[in-house]
Protein backbone atom coordinates (compact mmCIF):
# COMPACT_ATOMS: atom_id res chain seq x y z
CA MET A 1 -38.35 -18.32 44.58
CA GLN A 2 -35.86 -15.50 43.77
CA GLU A 3 -33.62 -16.47 46.67
CA LEU A 4 -33.52 -20.14 45.61
CA ARG A 5 -32.48 -19.07 42.03
CA GLN A 6 -29.55 -17.09 43.47
CA GLU A 7 -28.39 -19.70 45.95
CA LEU A 8 -28.26 -22.72 43.49
CA GLY A 9 -24.91 -23.05 41.64
CA PHE A 10 -24.48 -25.41 38.79
CA PHE A 11 -23.21 -28.32 40.77
CA ASP A 12 -26.02 -27.86 43.27
CA VAL A 13 -28.56 -28.01 40.44
CA VAL A 14 -27.08 -31.24 39.05
CA GLU A 15 -27.00 -32.78 42.57
CA GLN A 16 -30.55 -31.73 43.43
CA ARG A 17 -32.17 -32.63 40.15
CA ARG A 18 -34.24 -35.75 40.39
CA SER A 19 -37.00 -37.26 38.29
CA VAL A 20 -40.06 -36.29 40.36
CA ARG A 21 -43.27 -38.21 39.55
CA ILE A 22 -45.83 -36.32 41.67
CA PHE A 23 -46.27 -32.59 41.43
CA ASP A 24 -47.92 -30.13 43.82
CA GLN A 25 -51.40 -29.13 42.62
CA GLU A 26 -51.93 -26.27 45.07
CA GLU A 27 -48.84 -24.02 44.98
CA PRO A 28 -48.86 -21.29 42.25
CA PHE A 29 -46.92 -22.29 39.09
CA ASP A 30 -45.01 -19.70 37.13
CA HIS A 31 -45.42 -20.65 33.45
CA ASP A 32 -43.16 -17.73 32.50
CA LEU A 33 -40.27 -19.52 34.03
CA VAL A 34 -40.88 -22.47 31.77
CA GLU A 35 -40.52 -20.17 28.82
CA LYS A 36 -37.34 -18.80 30.27
CA CYS A 37 -35.87 -22.25 30.65
CA LEU A 38 -36.97 -23.30 27.11
CA ARG A 39 -35.23 -20.17 25.71
CA SER A 40 -32.09 -21.32 27.40
CA ALA A 41 -32.50 -24.91 26.16
CA ILE A 42 -32.27 -23.83 22.53
CA LEU A 43 -28.86 -22.44 23.26
CA SER A 44 -27.70 -26.18 23.77
CA PRO A 45 -25.12 -27.61 21.39
CA ASN A 46 -26.57 -29.41 18.44
CA SER A 47 -25.37 -31.18 15.32
CA SER A 48 -24.20 -28.64 12.53
CA ASN A 49 -26.30 -26.02 14.28
CA LEU A 50 -29.43 -27.20 12.42
CA GLN A 51 -31.52 -27.44 15.64
CA LEU A 52 -33.70 -30.16 14.17
CA TYR A 53 -36.15 -30.31 17.10
CA GLN A 54 -39.18 -28.50 18.51
CA LEU A 55 -40.30 -28.09 22.12
CA ILE A 56 -44.11 -28.11 22.33
CA ARG A 57 -45.62 -26.63 25.43
CA ILE A 58 -48.88 -28.12 26.76
CA PRO A 59 -49.89 -26.04 29.93
CA GLU A 60 -52.47 -27.34 32.46
CA SER A 61 -55.03 -24.88 30.91
CA SER A 62 -54.76 -26.49 27.49
CA PRO A 63 -57.60 -28.82 26.39
CA LEU A 64 -54.91 -31.23 25.27
CA LYS A 65 -53.20 -31.64 28.68
CA ASP A 66 -55.54 -34.17 30.11
CA PRO A 67 -55.80 -36.37 26.85
CA LEU A 68 -51.96 -36.14 26.53
CA ALA A 69 -51.50 -37.33 30.14
CA GLN A 70 -53.79 -40.29 29.50
CA LEU A 71 -51.65 -41.17 26.47
CA CYS A 72 -48.59 -41.13 28.80
CA MET A 73 -49.95 -44.32 30.26
CA ARG A 74 -51.63 -42.31 32.98
CA GLN A 75 -48.31 -41.71 34.75
CA LYS A 76 -48.56 -39.42 37.75
CA ALA A 77 -45.63 -37.47 36.29
CA ALA A 78 -48.09 -36.60 33.50
CA THR A 79 -51.41 -36.38 35.22
CA THR A 80 -50.17 -34.17 38.07
CA ALA A 81 -47.78 -32.08 35.90
CA ARG A 82 -48.57 -28.40 35.79
CA GLU A 83 -47.14 -28.26 32.24
CA LEU A 84 -46.02 -30.95 29.76
CA VAL A 85 -43.27 -30.23 27.28
CA VAL A 86 -43.14 -32.55 24.22
CA VAL A 87 -39.73 -32.84 22.72
CA ILE A 88 -39.89 -33.72 19.05
CA THR A 89 -37.31 -34.13 16.42
CA ARG A 90 -37.76 -32.57 13.06
CA ARG A 91 -35.25 -34.15 10.64
CA ASP A 92 -37.68 -33.14 7.84
CA LEU A 93 -36.79 -29.44 8.47
CA TRP A 94 -33.05 -29.84 7.42
CA LYS A 95 -33.49 -27.83 4.19
CA SER A 96 -34.90 -24.73 5.87
CA ARG A 97 -32.47 -24.86 8.76
CA ALA A 98 -29.37 -25.34 6.47
CA GLU A 99 -30.68 -22.37 4.37
CA ALA A 100 -31.13 -20.22 7.54
CA ASN A 101 -27.52 -20.99 8.50
CA TYR A 102 -26.34 -20.12 5.06
CA GLN A 103 -28.08 -16.90 4.94
CA TYR A 104 -26.76 -16.00 8.41
CA LEU A 105 -23.13 -16.74 7.16
CA SER A 106 -23.76 -14.60 4.11
CA SER A 107 -24.87 -11.58 6.15
CA SER A 108 -22.61 -11.90 9.18
CA THR A 109 -18.95 -12.26 8.41
CA GLN A 110 -17.51 -10.46 11.51
CA ASN A 111 -14.30 -11.87 12.80
CA GLN A 112 -14.27 -14.54 10.06
CA THR A 113 -11.80 -14.77 7.17
CA GLU A 114 -13.19 -15.02 3.72
CA LYS A 115 -11.83 -18.60 3.44
CA LYS A 116 -13.62 -19.72 6.57
CA VAL A 117 -16.86 -18.15 5.53
CA ARG A 118 -16.55 -19.86 2.12
CA GLN A 119 -15.91 -23.23 3.71
CA ALA A 120 -18.89 -22.86 6.08
CA LYS A 121 -21.27 -21.89 3.26
CA ASN A 122 -19.97 -24.71 1.17
CA TYR A 123 -20.80 -26.95 4.25
CA TYR A 124 -24.50 -26.05 4.22
CA LYS A 125 -24.92 -25.96 0.46
CA ASN A 126 -23.08 -29.18 -0.34
CA LEU A 127 -22.18 -31.50 2.53
CA ILE A 128 -25.39 -31.21 4.58
CA PRO A 129 -27.66 -31.97 1.50
CA LYS A 130 -25.59 -35.12 0.87
CA LEU A 131 -25.96 -36.21 4.49
CA TYR A 132 -29.63 -35.42 5.00
CA SER A 133 -31.15 -36.13 1.62
CA LYS A 134 -33.37 -39.18 1.36
CA PHE A 135 -33.96 -41.38 -1.61
CA PRO A 136 -33.95 -45.17 -2.23
CA GLY A 137 -30.60 -46.75 -1.83
CA TRP A 138 -28.78 -43.46 -0.82
CA SER A 139 -28.19 -44.56 2.82
CA TRP A 140 -26.16 -47.61 1.58
CA ILE A 141 -24.28 -45.41 -0.98
CA LYS A 142 -23.27 -43.01 1.76
CA LYS A 143 -22.04 -45.94 3.90
CA LEU A 144 -20.12 -47.40 0.92
CA ILE A 145 -18.48 -43.93 0.23
CA ALA A 146 -17.53 -43.65 3.90
CA TRP A 147 -16.00 -47.08 3.89
CA TRP A 148 -14.02 -46.43 0.65
CA VAL A 149 -12.68 -43.00 1.95
CA GLY A 150 -11.90 -44.60 5.30
CA LEU A 151 -9.42 -47.06 3.76
CA ARG A 152 -7.11 -44.13 3.03
CA ARG A 153 -7.85 -41.61 5.78
CA PRO A 154 -9.89 -41.00 9.03
CA MET A 155 -13.44 -40.69 7.97
CA VAL A 156 -16.78 -40.19 9.73
CA ARG A 157 -18.59 -43.58 9.39
CA GLU A 158 -22.02 -42.80 10.84
CA VAL A 159 -23.52 -41.47 7.72
CA GLY A 160 -26.45 -43.91 7.11
CA GLU A 161 -30.15 -43.18 7.60
CA THR A 162 -30.21 -44.72 11.17
CA GLU A 163 -27.09 -42.80 12.26
CA VAL A 164 -28.42 -39.54 10.96
CA ARG A 165 -31.74 -40.13 12.90
CA ILE A 166 -29.71 -40.93 16.03
CA SER A 167 -27.83 -37.78 15.61
CA VAL A 168 -30.96 -35.68 15.52
CA HIS A 169 -32.27 -37.24 18.64
CA LYS A 170 -28.97 -36.56 20.37
CA SER A 171 -29.43 -32.86 19.62
CA ALA A 172 -32.98 -32.86 20.86
CA SER A 173 -31.94 -34.71 24.09
CA LEU A 174 -29.15 -32.23 24.76
CA ALA A 175 -31.76 -29.39 24.65
CA ALA A 176 -34.08 -31.34 26.78
CA MET A 177 -31.31 -31.81 29.48
CA THR A 178 -30.54 -28.10 29.52
CA PHE A 179 -34.23 -27.40 29.98
CA MET A 180 -34.62 -29.74 32.94
CA LEU A 181 -31.41 -28.29 34.69
CA GLY A 182 -32.83 -24.81 34.06
CA MET A 183 -36.09 -25.83 35.69
CA LYS A 184 -34.33 -27.13 38.76
CA ALA A 185 -32.24 -23.89 38.93
CA VAL A 186 -35.47 -21.81 39.18
CA GLY A 187 -36.90 -24.17 41.91
CA TYR A 188 -39.07 -26.53 39.78
CA ASP A 189 -38.87 -30.17 39.12
CA THR A 190 -39.22 -32.32 35.99
CA CYS A 191 -39.62 -35.88 34.86
CA PRO A 192 -38.67 -37.07 31.36
CA MET A 193 -41.03 -39.76 30.10
CA GLU A 194 -40.60 -42.44 27.35
CA GLY A 195 -43.74 -44.34 28.28
CA PHE A 196 -46.38 -43.05 25.88
CA ASP A 197 -48.40 -44.15 22.82
CA SER A 198 -46.37 -42.32 20.12
CA ILE A 199 -48.88 -42.93 17.36
CA ARG A 200 -51.83 -41.40 19.34
CA VAL A 201 -49.75 -38.56 20.66
CA LYS A 202 -48.73 -37.60 17.16
CA LYS A 203 -52.46 -37.65 16.15
CA LEU A 204 -53.50 -35.67 19.17
CA LEU A 205 -50.96 -33.00 18.63
CA ASP A 206 -51.36 -33.03 14.86
CA LEU A 207 -47.61 -33.54 14.30
CA PRO A 208 -46.27 -33.87 10.78
CA GLN A 209 -45.40 -37.20 9.49
CA GLY A 210 -41.62 -36.43 9.63
CA ALA A 211 -41.77 -35.58 13.37
CA GLU A 212 -40.66 -38.14 16.07
CA ILE A 213 -41.15 -37.73 19.79
CA ALA A 214 -37.93 -37.91 21.69
CA MET A 215 -39.58 -37.61 25.19
CA ILE A 216 -42.33 -35.85 27.06
CA ILE A 217 -41.34 -33.84 30.21
CA GLY A 218 -43.62 -33.32 33.04
CA CYS A 219 -43.01 -30.01 35.00
CA GLY A 220 -44.05 -28.73 38.32
CA LYS A 221 -43.15 -28.18 41.99
CA GLY A 222 -42.27 -31.76 43.09
CA LEU A 223 -43.74 -33.31 46.23
CA PRO A 224 -41.44 -35.38 48.52
CA GLU A 225 -43.50 -38.56 47.73
CA GLY A 226 -42.80 -37.95 44.12
CA ILE A 227 -39.23 -39.07 44.50
CA TYR A 228 -39.26 -42.92 44.45
CA GLY A 229 -36.47 -43.85 46.70
CA GLU A 230 -32.81 -42.83 47.13
CA ARG A 231 -30.81 -42.01 44.14
CA PHE A 232 -28.62 -44.99 42.88
CA ARG A 233 -25.83 -44.89 40.34
CA VAL A 234 -23.29 -47.55 39.62
CA ASN A 235 -19.72 -46.94 40.76
CA SER A 236 -18.10 -44.01 38.87
CA SER A 237 -15.14 -46.33 38.15
CA GLU A 238 -17.52 -48.28 35.76
CA LEU A 239 -18.57 -45.17 33.89
CA ILE A 240 -15.44 -42.84 33.88
CA ILE A 241 -12.59 -44.58 32.26
CA GLN A 242 -9.15 -43.09 31.60
CA LYS A 243 -6.62 -44.58 29.12
């Protein structure tokens, strides 16, 4: 395992990562490496450094593992996984996360001018509450303000409730991708799943009302039969466009 981790470079990891749907049940599985990859995942870029997500580990020893796998429509990627990682968004935690950033800026001003620190602190005390607060009609008011300001100068338009929700899911997905690449780098495989009963999963895991499930990731040492066919991607010319 150590040799594999040393040999794989970034582009090797990207090339070799596949969504593997059947995991080895016999080979020893190092759950500590999952922890290492999750700690790397939280270094991923995220909107406003709020990190409005959580990564919930369900190892094979957990009494929740089998019921959760059943709620993933009994996919083999879930039933054979040695560990499941539930990626949830926590938009409802924006106040505490903004406060944490504010307090960090207040106590750590190294290599920052006073003006920059003041601007950053104002961002978390004034702009973030305006963007993330929720009350009736506020989403439309924000859109109207963005439209009005946008008549005179460049302006961020994605300020409504739906757009904020999408932004939070983007951050969670960036962390999930980092985690999956990390798992490949240490010799393990993953499979991100969207096929699950979100209502029942939230109840099973006793998730708060404000949480949403972005994806559930099956983890383990993949078996060859767990890769369903050769990789296919449309031609890069349709995806990479230069103007």
